[in-house]
């Protein structure tokens, strides 16, 4: 039986298969020896370096340092970028604020103007920041109505936007629209000159038109003021209506929201 050489050297780092060991061949070379009967017979040689100056991978020791530097740079960028974005956003907001102020200044009427709040059902006559007259009104209900024909479709909303007083009428005549006949289950007149279409006194004593079919007028039922109940027009009480008729001039702006 052959005599085995005693192990006097430390093993090379790494895993060896069963029956294998590292054996020094000379001062700089190691060889992997396997016992007879094992499946590994391939030899491999590796160089062992005794000093740090002979290390073939000196760059490896700097990898953690470089990773730390990269992390610090990333953190710095993440801190600086939001600050720059915030400064740009603030500058943009300031510019937009100045533009809006200039727009408001350009569009502020030089004359008194009417403001109608359809949510709170309030009508104000203003001049600048001063309120000359405030009145409770009634505005569009938003209700929908459909007739037998496909073009008989209505939504009773008060129009929103900027308008102007187009004309003022005393003792206005109301020309009943088609939807009024449908609501009251009445026969719709064929001719526009039919006398059933014309009624006096329904709109109150005065009417201030800001669109062709929309106006500020009176009402027979002042108990409903403050409600969203009309077919789109703006109703006010008798005293307020007389004041607006006598005070408001043609061309004065009307803001409805």
C-alpha atoms as a PDB file:
ATOM      1  CA  UNK A   1       0.000   0.000   0.000  1.00  0.00           C
ATOM      2  CA  UNK A   2       1.525   3.326  -1.029  1.00  0.00           C
ATOM      3  CA  UNK A   3       2.430   5.738   1.698  1.00  0.00           C
ATOM      4  CA  UNK A   4       0.470   9.000   1.677  1.00  0.00           C
ATOM      5  CA  UNK A   5       2.204  12.303   2.104  1.00  0.00           C
ATOM      6  CA  UNK A   6       1.154  14.007   5.329  1.00  0.00           C
ATOM      7  CA  UNK A   7      -0.759  17.269   5.099  1.00  0.00           C
ATOM      8  CA  UNK A   8       1.553  19.974   6.340  1.00  0.00           C
ATOM      9  CA  UNK A   9       0.127  22.866   4.293  1.00  0.00           C
ATOM     10  CA  UNK A  10      -3.137  24.702   4.676  1.00  0.00           C
ATOM     11  CA  UNK A  11      -5.762  24.149   2.036  1.00  0.00           C
ATOM     12  CA  UNK A  12      -6.428  26.637  -0.662  1.00  0.00           C
ATOM     13  CA  UNK A  13      -9.608  28.667  -0.148  1.00  0.00           C
ATOM     14  CA  UNK A  14     -12.586  27.177  -1.926  1.00  0.00           C
ATOM     15  CA  UNK A  15     -14.438  23.907  -2.017  1.00  0.00           C
ATOM     16  CA  UNK A  16     -12.738  20.622  -3.023  1.00  0.00           C
ATOM     17  CA  UNK A  17     -14.492  17.497  -4.073  1.00  0.00           C
ATOM     18  CA  UNK A  18     -14.352  14.411  -1.908  1.00  0.00           C
ATOM     19  CA  UNK A  19     -10.949  12.754  -2.051  1.00  0.00           C
ATOM     20  CA  UNK A  20      -9.108  15.854  -3.353  1.00  0.00           C
ATOM     21  CA  UNK A  21      -6.606  18.165  -1.718  1.00  0.00           C
ATOM     22  CA  UNK A  22      -4.295  20.992  -2.613  1.00  0.00           C
ATOM     23  CA  UNK A  23      -0.587  20.210  -2.843  1.00  0.00           C
ATOM     24  CA  UNK A  24       2.316  22.589  -3.319  1.00  0.00           C
ATOM     25  CA  UNK A  25       4.308  21.821  -6.424  1.00  0.00           C
ATOM     26  CA  UNK A  26       6.892  24.590  -6.003  1.00  0.00           C
ATOM     27  CA  UNK A  27       7.142  28.000  -4.360  1.00  0.00           C
ATOM     28  CA  UNK A  28       4.550  29.654  -6.619  1.00  0.00           C
ATOM     29  CA  UNK A  29       2.290  26.877  -7.900  1.00  0.00           C
ATOM     30  CA  UNK A  30      -0.416  24.744  -6.369  1.00  0.00           C
ATOM     31  CA  UNK A  31      -1.919  21.629  -7.894  1.00  0.00           C
ATOM     32  CA  UNK A  32      -5.087  19.783  -7.052  1.00  0.00           C
ATOM     33  CA  UNK A  33      -4.437  16.118  -6.302  1.00  0.00           C
ATOM     34  CA  UNK A  34      -7.157  13.515  -6.135  1.00  0.00           C
ATOM     35  CA  UNK A  35      -7.098  10.090  -4.561  1.00  0.00           C
ATOM     36  CA  UNK A  36      -7.424   7.027  -6.785  1.00  0.00           C
ATOM     37  CA  UNK A  37     -11.049   6.114  -7.483  1.00  0.00           C
ATOM     38  CA  UNK A  38     -12.432   9.653  -7.426  1.00  0.00           C
ATOM     39  CA  UNK A  39     -14.213  11.158 -10.440  1.00  0.00           C
ATOM     40  CA  UNK A  40     -12.151  14.300 -10.499  1.00  0.00           C
ATOM     41  CA  UNK A  41      -8.842  13.934 -12.222  1.00  0.00           C
ATOM     42  CA  UNK A  42      -8.539  17.341 -13.830  1.00  0.00           C
ATOM     43  CA  UNK A  43      -5.591  19.330 -12.599  1.00  0.00           C
ATOM     44  CA  UNK A  44      -5.685  23.035 -12.092  1.00  0.00           C
ATOM     45  CA  UNK A  45      -2.941  25.387 -11.213  1.00  0.00           C
ATOM     46  CA  UNK A  46      -3.258  28.638  -9.369  1.00  0.00           C
ATOM     47  CA  UNK A  47      -0.733  31.173  -8.346  1.00  0.00           C
ATOM     48  CA  UNK A  48      -0.361  32.112  -4.735  1.00  0.00           C
ATOM     49  CA  UNK A  49       0.774  35.636  -4.016  1.00  0.00           C
ATOM     50  CA  UNK A  50       2.483  36.378  -0.801  1.00  0.00           C
ATOM     51  CA  UNK A  51       2.619  40.180  -0.905  1.00  0.00           C
ATOM     52  CA  UNK A  52      -0.058  42.797  -1.517  1.00  0.00           C
ATOM     53  CA  UNK A  53       2.014  44.373  -4.269  1.00  0.00           C
ATOM     54  CA  UNK A  54       1.594  41.224  -6.346  1.00  0.00           C
ATOM     55  CA  UNK A  55      -2.243  41.209  -5.997  1.00  0.00           C
ATOM     56  CA  UNK A  56      -3.679  41.034  -9.559  1.00  0.00           C
ATOM     57  CA  UNK A  57      -6.947  42.775  -8.493  1.00  0.00           C
ATOM     58  CA  UNK A  58      -5.968  45.856  -6.497  1.00  0.00           C
ATOM     59  CA  UNK A  59      -9.061  47.707  -7.833  1.00  0.00           C
ATOM     60  CA  UNK A  60     -11.403  45.487  -5.787  1.00  0.00           C
ATOM     61  CA  UNK A  61     -10.605  47.290  -2.565  1.00  0.00           C
ATOM     62  CA  UNK A  62     -11.910  50.568  -4.052  1.00  0.00           C
ATOM     63  CA  UNK A  63     -15.296  49.172  -5.134  1.00  0.00           C
ATOM     64  CA  UNK A  64     -17.032  49.812  -1.764  1.00  0.00           C
ATOM     65  CA  UNK A  65     -15.592  53.315  -1.675  1.00  0.00           C
ATOM     66  CA  UNK A  66     -16.845  54.025  -5.187  1.00  0.00           C
ATOM     67  CA  UNK A  67     -20.261  52.620  -4.320  1.00  0.00           C
ATOM     68  CA  UNK A  68     -20.455  54.892  -1.302  1.00  0.00           C
ATOM     69  CA  UNK A  69     -19.455  57.901  -3.403  1.00  0.00           C
ATOM     70  CA  UNK A  70     -22.140  56.989  -5.959  1.00  0.00           C
ATOM     71  CA  UNK A  71     -24.759  56.759  -3.194  1.00  0.00           C
ATOM     72  CA  UNK A  72     -23.733  60.158  -1.807  1.00  0.00           C
ATOM     73  CA  UNK A  73     -23.895  61.751  -5.264  1.00  0.00           C
ATOM     74  CA  UNK A  74     -27.350  60.230  -5.852  1.00  0.00           C
ATOM     75  CA  UNK A  75     -28.567  61.532  -2.498  1.00  0.00           C
ATOM     76  CA  UNK A  76     -27.210  64.990  -3.307  1.00  0.00           C
ATOM     77  CA  UNK A  77     -28.969  64.987  -6.679  1.00  0.00           C
ATOM     78  CA  UNK A  78     -32.224  63.869  -5.044  1.00  0.00           C
ATOM     79  CA  UNK A  79     -31.967  66.735  -2.566  1.00  0.00           C
ATOM     80  CA  UNK A  80     -31.035  69.411  -5.097  1.00  0.00           C
ATOM     81  CA  UNK A  81     -33.509  68.427  -7.853  1.00  0.00           C
ATOM     82  CA  UNK A  82     -36.697  68.924  -5.757  1.00  0.00           C
ATOM     83  CA  UNK A  83     -35.423  72.277  -4.540  1.00  0.00           C
ATOM     84  CA  UNK A  84     -34.787  73.451  -8.097  1.00  0.00           C
ATOM     85  CA  UNK A  85     -38.190  72.119  -9.204  1.00  0.00           C
ATOM     86  CA  UNK A  86     -39.874  73.907  -6.303  1.00  0.00           C
ATOM     87  CA  UNK A  87     -38.153  77.172  -7.168  1.00  0.00           C
ATOM     88  CA  UNK A  88     -39.242  76.835 -10.794  1.00  0.00           C
ATOM     89  CA  UNK A  89     -42.797  76.046  -9.681  1.00  0.00           C
ATOM     90  CA  UNK A  90     -42.892  79.059  -7.355  1.00  0.00           C
ATOM     91  CA  UNK A  91     -41.595  81.304 -10.117  1.00  0.00           C
ATOM     92  CA  UNK A  92     -44.259  79.972 -12.480  1.00  0.00           C
ATOM     93  CA  UNK A  93     -46.999  80.508  -9.871  1.00  0.00           C
ATOM     94  CA  UNK A  94     -45.817  84.054  -9.246  1.00  0.00           C
ATOM     95  CA  UNK A  95     -45.891  84.785 -12.965  1.00  0.00           C
ATOM     96  CA  UNK A  96     -49.394  83.304 -13.261  1.00  0.00           C
ATOM     97  CA  UNK A  97     -50.553  85.366 -10.277  1.00  0.00           C
ATOM     98  CA  UNK A  98     -49.278  88.588 -11.857  1.00  0.00           C
ATOM     99  CA  UNK A  99     -50.969  87.676 -15.138  1.00  0.00           C
ATOM    100  CA  UNK A 100     -54.302  87.005 -13.411  1.00  0.00           C
ATOM    101  CA  UNK A 101     -54.115  90.273 -11.497  1.00  0.00           C
ATOM    102  CA  UNK A 102     -53.473  92.118 -14.739  1.00  0.00           C
ATOM    103  CA  UNK A 103     -56.395  90.291 -16.399  1.00  0.00           C
ATOM    104  CA  UNK A 104     -58.715  91.187 -13.524  1.00  0.00           C
ATOM    105  CA  UNK A 105     -57.588  94.800 -13.660  1.00  0.00           C
ATOM    106  CA  UNK A 106     -58.172  94.924 -17.408  1.00  0.00           C
ATOM    107  CA  UNK A 107     -61.626  93.323 -17.171  1.00  0.00           C
ATOM    108  CA  UNK A 108     -62.904  95.209 -14.129  1.00  0.00           C
ATOM    109  CA  UNK A 109     -65.878  97.241 -15.388  1.00  0.00           C
ATOM    110  CA  UNK A 110     -65.639 100.986 -15.228  1.00  0.00           C
ATOM    111  CA  UNK A 111     -69.392 101.174 -14.632  1.00  0.00           C
ATOM    112  CA  UNK A 112     -71.551  99.518 -11.966  1.00  0.00           C
ATOM    113  CA  UNK A 113     -72.333  95.889 -12.738  1.00  0.00           C
ATOM    114  CA  UNK A 114     -74.736  93.150 -11.687  1.00  0.00           C
ATOM    115  CA  UNK A 115     -73.551  89.903 -10.097  1.00  0.00           C
ATOM    116  CA  UNK A 116     -75.968  86.956  -9.830  1.00  0.00           C
ATOM    117  CA  UNK A 117     -75.089  83.991  -7.636  1.00  0.00           C
ATOM    118  CA  UNK A 118     -77.265  81.083  -8.808  1.00  0.00           C
ATOM    119  CA  UNK A 119     -76.156  78.874  -5.909  1.00  0.00           C
ATOM    120  CA  UNK A 120     -77.228  81.232  -3.110  1.00  0.00           C
ATOM    121  CA  UNK A 121     -79.839  82.992  -5.271  1.00  0.00           C
ATOM    122  CA  UNK A 122     -78.478  86.461  -4.557  1.00  0.00           C
ATOM    123  CA  UNK A 123     -78.361  89.433  -6.931  1.00  0.00           C
ATOM    124  CA  UNK A 124     -75.960  92.293  -6.232  1.00  0.00           C
ATOM    125  CA  UNK A 125     -75.482  95.639  -7.917  1.00  0.00           C
ATOM    126  CA  UNK A 126     -71.842  96.548  -7.375  1.00  0.00           C
ATOM    127  CA  UNK A 127     -69.489  99.368  -8.201  1.00  0.00           C
ATOM    128  CA  UNK A 128     -65.921  98.294  -7.645  1.00  0.00           C
ATOM    129  CA  UNK A 129     -65.833  96.651  -4.224  1.00  0.00           C
ATOM    130  CA  UNK A 130     -68.911  98.512  -2.968  1.00  0.00           C
ATOM    131  CA  UNK A 131     -72.342  96.860  -2.972  1.00  0.00           C
ATOM    132  CA  UNK A 132     -75.016  99.326  -4.071  1.00  0.00           C
ATOM    133  CA  UNK A 133     -77.967  96.940  -3.761  1.00  0.00           C
ATOM    134  CA  UNK A 134     -78.477  93.345  -2.708  1.00  0.00           C
ATOM    135  CA  UNK A 135     -81.621  91.374  -3.455  1.00  0.00           C
ATOM    136  CA  UNK A 136     -82.844  87.824  -3.020  1.00  0.00           C
ATOM    137  CA  UNK A 137     -83.750  86.265  -6.347  1.00  0.00           C
ATOM    138  CA  UNK A 138     -84.915  82.996  -7.897  1.00  0.00           C
ATOM    139  CA  UNK A 139     -82.949  81.301 -10.668  1.00  0.00           C
ATOM    140  CA  UNK A 140     -83.155  78.273 -12.976  1.00  0.00           C
ATOM    141  CA  UNK A 141     -84.208  74.949 -11.499  1.00  0.00           C
ATOM    142  CA  UNK A 142     -82.091  72.775 -13.818  1.00  0.00           C
ATOM    143  CA  UNK A 143     -85.131  70.588 -14.456  1.00  0.00           C
ATOM    144  CA  UNK A 144     -85.511  68.796 -17.800  1.00  0.00           C
ATOM    145  CA  UNK A 145     -88.691  68.601 -19.849  1.00  0.00           C
ATOM    146  CA  UNK A 146     -89.431  66.428 -22.892  1.00  0.00           C
ATOM    147  CA  UNK A 147     -92.382  66.558 -25.244  1.00  0.00           C
ATOM    148  CA  UNK A 148     -93.776  64.139 -27.803  1.00  0.00           C
ATOM    149  CA  UNK A 149     -91.513  65.373 -30.574  1.00  0.00           C
ATOM    150  CA  UNK A 150     -87.796  64.776 -30.536  1.00  0.00           C
ATOM    151  CA  UNK A 151     -86.991  68.513 -30.755  1.00  0.00           C
ATOM    152  CA  UNK A 152     -89.125  69.229 -27.706  1.00  0.00           C
ATOM    153  CA  UNK A 153     -86.259  68.996 -25.214  1.00  0.00           C
ATOM    154  CA  UNK A 154     -85.521  71.684 -22.610  1.00  0.00           C
ATOM    155  CA  UNK A 155     -83.257  72.163 -19.600  1.00  0.00           C
ATOM    156  CA  UNK A 156     -84.298  75.037 -17.361  1.00  0.00           C
ATOM    157  CA  UNK A 157     -80.925  76.495 -16.357  1.00  0.00           C
ATOM    158  CA  UNK A 158     -79.935  80.116 -15.927  1.00  0.00           C
ATOM    159  CA  UNK A 159     -77.094  80.750 -18.404  1.00  0.00           C
ATOM    160  CA  UNK A 160     -73.671  81.337 -16.845  1.00  0.00           C
ATOM    161  CA  UNK A 161     -71.092  83.863 -18.013  1.00  0.00           C
ATOM    162  CA  UNK A 162     -70.732  87.546 -18.739  1.00  0.00           C
ATOM    163  CA  UNK A 163     -73.575  89.429 -20.388  1.00  0.00           C
ATOM    164  CA  UNK A 164     -74.868  92.982 -20.596  1.00  0.00           C
ATOM    165  CA  UNK A 165     -78.211  94.703 -20.205  1.00  0.00           C
ATOM    166  CA  UNK A 166     -79.584  94.801 -23.758  1.00  0.00           C
ATOM    167  CA  UNK A 167     -82.958  96.491 -23.190  1.00  0.00           C
ATOM    168  CA  UNK A 168     -85.383  97.546 -20.484  1.00  0.00           C
ATOM    169  CA  UNK A 169     -89.125  97.137 -20.817  1.00  0.00           C
ATOM    170  CA  UNK A 170     -91.964  98.468 -18.679  1.00  0.00           C
ATOM    171  CA  UNK A 171     -95.119  96.363 -18.411  1.00  0.00           C
ATOM    172  CA  UNK A 172     -93.531  93.515 -20.409  1.00  0.00           C
ATOM    173  CA  UNK A 173     -95.572  91.134 -22.501  1.00  0.00           C
ATOM    174  CA  UNK A 174     -94.892  87.441 -22.016  1.00  0.00           C
ATOM    175  CA  UNK A 175     -95.050  85.301 -25.139  1.00  0.00           C
ATOM    176  CA  UNK A 176     -95.709  81.819 -23.879  1.00  0.00           C
ATOM    177  CA  UNK A 177     -93.153  79.341 -25.240  1.00  0.00           C
ATOM    178  CA  UNK A 178     -94.030  75.826 -26.344  1.00  0.00           C
ATOM    179  CA  UNK A 179     -92.792  74.251 -23.130  1.00  0.00           C
ATOM    180  CA  UNK A 180     -95.382  76.195 -21.097  1.00  0.00           C
ATOM    181  CA  UNK A 181     -98.224  74.573 -23.044  1.00  0.00           C
ATOM    182  CA  UNK A 182     -96.648  71.121 -22.590  1.00  0.00           C
ATOM    183  CA  UNK A 183     -96.187  71.699 -18.848  1.00  0.00           C
ATOM    184  CA  UNK A 184     -99.831  72.680 -18.448  1.00  0.00           C
ATOM    185  CA  UNK A 185    -101.024  69.865 -20.737  1.00  0.00           C
ATOM    186  CA  UNK A 186    -102.580  72.385 -23.127  1.00  0.00           C
ATOM    187  CA  UNK A 187    -102.889  72.249 -26.878  1.00  0.00           C
ATOM    188  CA  UNK A 188     -99.972  73.932 -28.607  1.00  0.00           C
ATOM    189  CA  UNK A 189    -101.176  76.746 -30.873  1.00  0.00           C
ATOM    190  CA  UNK A 190    -100.289  76.288 -34.520  1.00  0.00           C
ATOM    191  CA  UNK A 191     -99.867  79.963 -35.352  1.00  0.00           C
ATOM    192  CA  UNK A 192     -97.443  82.323 -33.633  1.00  0.00           C
ATOM    193  CA  UNK A 193    -100.138  85.048 -33.654  1.00  0.00           C
ATOM    194  CA  UNK A 194    -102.529  82.943 -31.618  1.00  0.00           C
ATOM    195  CA  UNK A 195    -103.883  85.050 -28.737  1.00  0.00           C
ATOM    196  CA  UNK A 196    -103.339  82.213 -26.295  1.00  0.00           C
ATOM    197  CA  UNK A 197     -99.603  82.851 -26.530  1.00  0.00           C
ATOM    198  CA  UNK A 198     -99.703  86.401 -25.091  1.00  0.00           C
ATOM    199  CA  UNK A 199    -100.047  87.299 -21.424  1.00  0.00           C
ATOM    200  CA  UNK A 200     -99.583  90.558 -19.503  1.00  0.00           C
ATOM    201  CA  UNK A 201     -98.667  90.867 -15.848  1.00  0.00           C
ATOM    202  CA  UNK A 202     -96.907  87.522 -15.514  1.00  0.00           C
ATOM    203  CA  UNK A 203     -93.429  89.084 -15.663  1.00  0.00           C
ATOM    204  CA  UNK A 204     -94.128  91.868 -13.190  1.00  0.00           C
ATOM    205  CA  UNK A 205     -93.982  95.592 -13.890  1.00  0.00           C
ATOM    206  CA  UNK A 206     -90.516  95.658 -15.477  1.00  0.00           C
ATOM    207  CA  UNK A 207     -88.050  93.435 -17.310  1.00  0.00           C
ATOM    208  CA  UNK A 208     -84.337  93.871 -17.953  1.00  0.00           C
ATOM    209  CA  UNK A 209     -83.163  91.655 -20.824  1.00  0.00           C
ATOM    210  CA  UNK A 210     -79.575  90.360 -20.843  1.00  0.00           C
ATOM    211  CA  UNK A 211     -80.282  87.775 -23.593  1.00  0.00           C
ATOM    212  CA  UNK A 212     -83.012  87.369 -26.173  1.00  0.00           C
ATOM    213  CA  UNK A 213     -85.135  84.998 -24.073  1.00  0.00           C
ATOM    214  CA  UNK A 214     -83.630  85.624 -20.616  1.00  0.00           C
ATOM    215  CA  UNK A 215     -84.303  88.594 -18.367  1.00  0.00           C
ATOM    216  CA  UNK A 216     -84.511  89.923 -14.834  1.00  0.00           C
ATOM    217  CA  UNK A 217     -88.217  90.334 -14.107  1.00  0.00           C
ATOM    218  CA  UNK A 218     -90.790  90.279 -11.335  1.00  0.00           C
ATOM    219  CA  UNK A 219     -92.963  87.495 -10.023  1.00  0.00           C
ATOM    220  CA  UNK A 220     -96.481  86.886  -8.796  1.00  0.00           C
ATOM    221  CA  UNK A 221     -95.225  84.575  -6.049  1.00  0.00           C
ATOM    222  CA  UNK A 222     -92.525  86.348  -4.046  1.00  0.00           C
ATOM    223  CA  UNK A 223     -92.688  83.562  -1.468  1.00  0.00           C
ATOM    224  CA  UNK A 224     -90.565  81.470  -3.874  1.00  0.00           C
ATOM    225  CA  UNK A 225     -87.701  83.960  -3.951  1.00  0.00           C
ATOM    226  CA  UNK A 226     -84.431  82.437  -2.786  1.00  0.00           C
ATOM    227  CA  UNK A 227     -85.171  79.131  -4.540  1.00  0.00           C
ATOM    228  CA  UNK A 228     -83.941  77.563  -7.767  1.00  0.00           C
ATOM    229  CA  UNK A 229     -87.355  77.297  -9.304  1.00  0.00           C
ATOM    230  CA  UNK A 230     -87.533  79.294 -12.545  1.00  0.00           C
ATOM    231  CA  UNK A 231     -87.289  78.231 -16.168  1.00  0.00           C
ATOM    232  CA  UNK A 232     -84.027  80.165 -16.608  1.00  0.00           C
ATOM    233  CA  UNK A 233     -84.919  83.792 -15.997  1.00  0.00           C
ATOM    234  CA  UNK A 234     -84.024  85.691 -12.822  1.00  0.00           C
ATOM    235  CA  UNK A 235     -86.946  86.754 -10.641  1.00  0.00           C
ATOM    236  CA  UNK A 236     -86.776  89.488  -7.995  1.00  0.00           C
ATOM    237  CA  UNK A 237     -89.284  91.226  -5.737  1.00  0.00           C
ATOM    238  CA  UNK A 238     -91.295  94.249  -6.775  1.00  0.00           C
ATOM    239  CA  UNK A 239     -89.314  96.901  -4.847  1.00  0.00           C
ATOM    240  CA  UNK A 240     -85.948  95.546  -5.973  1.00  0.00           C
ATOM    241  CA  UNK A 241     -87.168  95.281  -9.562  1.00  0.00           C
ATOM    242  CA  UNK A 242     -88.248  98.931  -9.604  1.00  0.00           C
ATOM    243  CA  UNK A 243     -84.886 100.026  -8.175  1.00  0.00           C
ATOM    244  CA  UNK A 244     -82.951  98.062 -10.795  1.00  0.00           C
ATOM    245  CA  UNK A 245     -85.149  99.356 -13.603  1.00  0.00           C
ATOM    246  CA  UNK A 246     -84.615 102.968 -12.536  1.00  0.00           C
ATOM    247  CA  UNK A 247     -80.903 102.617 -11.720  1.00  0.00           C
ATOM    248  CA  UNK A 248     -79.370 100.143 -14.158  1.00  0.00           C
ATOM    249  CA  UNK A 249     -78.458 101.507 -17.576  1.00  0.00           C
ATOM    250  CA  UNK A 250     -78.130  99.773 -20.912  1.00  0.00           C
ATOM    251  CA  UNK A 251     -74.770  98.143 -21.481  1.00  0.00           C
ATOM    252  CA  UNK A 252     -73.971  97.558 -17.817  1.00  0.00           C
ATOM    253  CA  UNK A 253     -72.311  94.165 -17.368  1.00  0.00           C
ATOM    254  CA  UNK A 254     -74.099  91.182 -15.861  1.00  0.00           C
ATOM    255  CA  UNK A 255     -72.011  88.383 -14.355  1.00  0.00           C
ATOM    256  CA  UNK A 256     -73.820  85.114 -13.641  1.00  0.00           C
ATOM    257  CA  UNK A 257     -72.194  82.131 -11.962  1.00  0.00           C
END
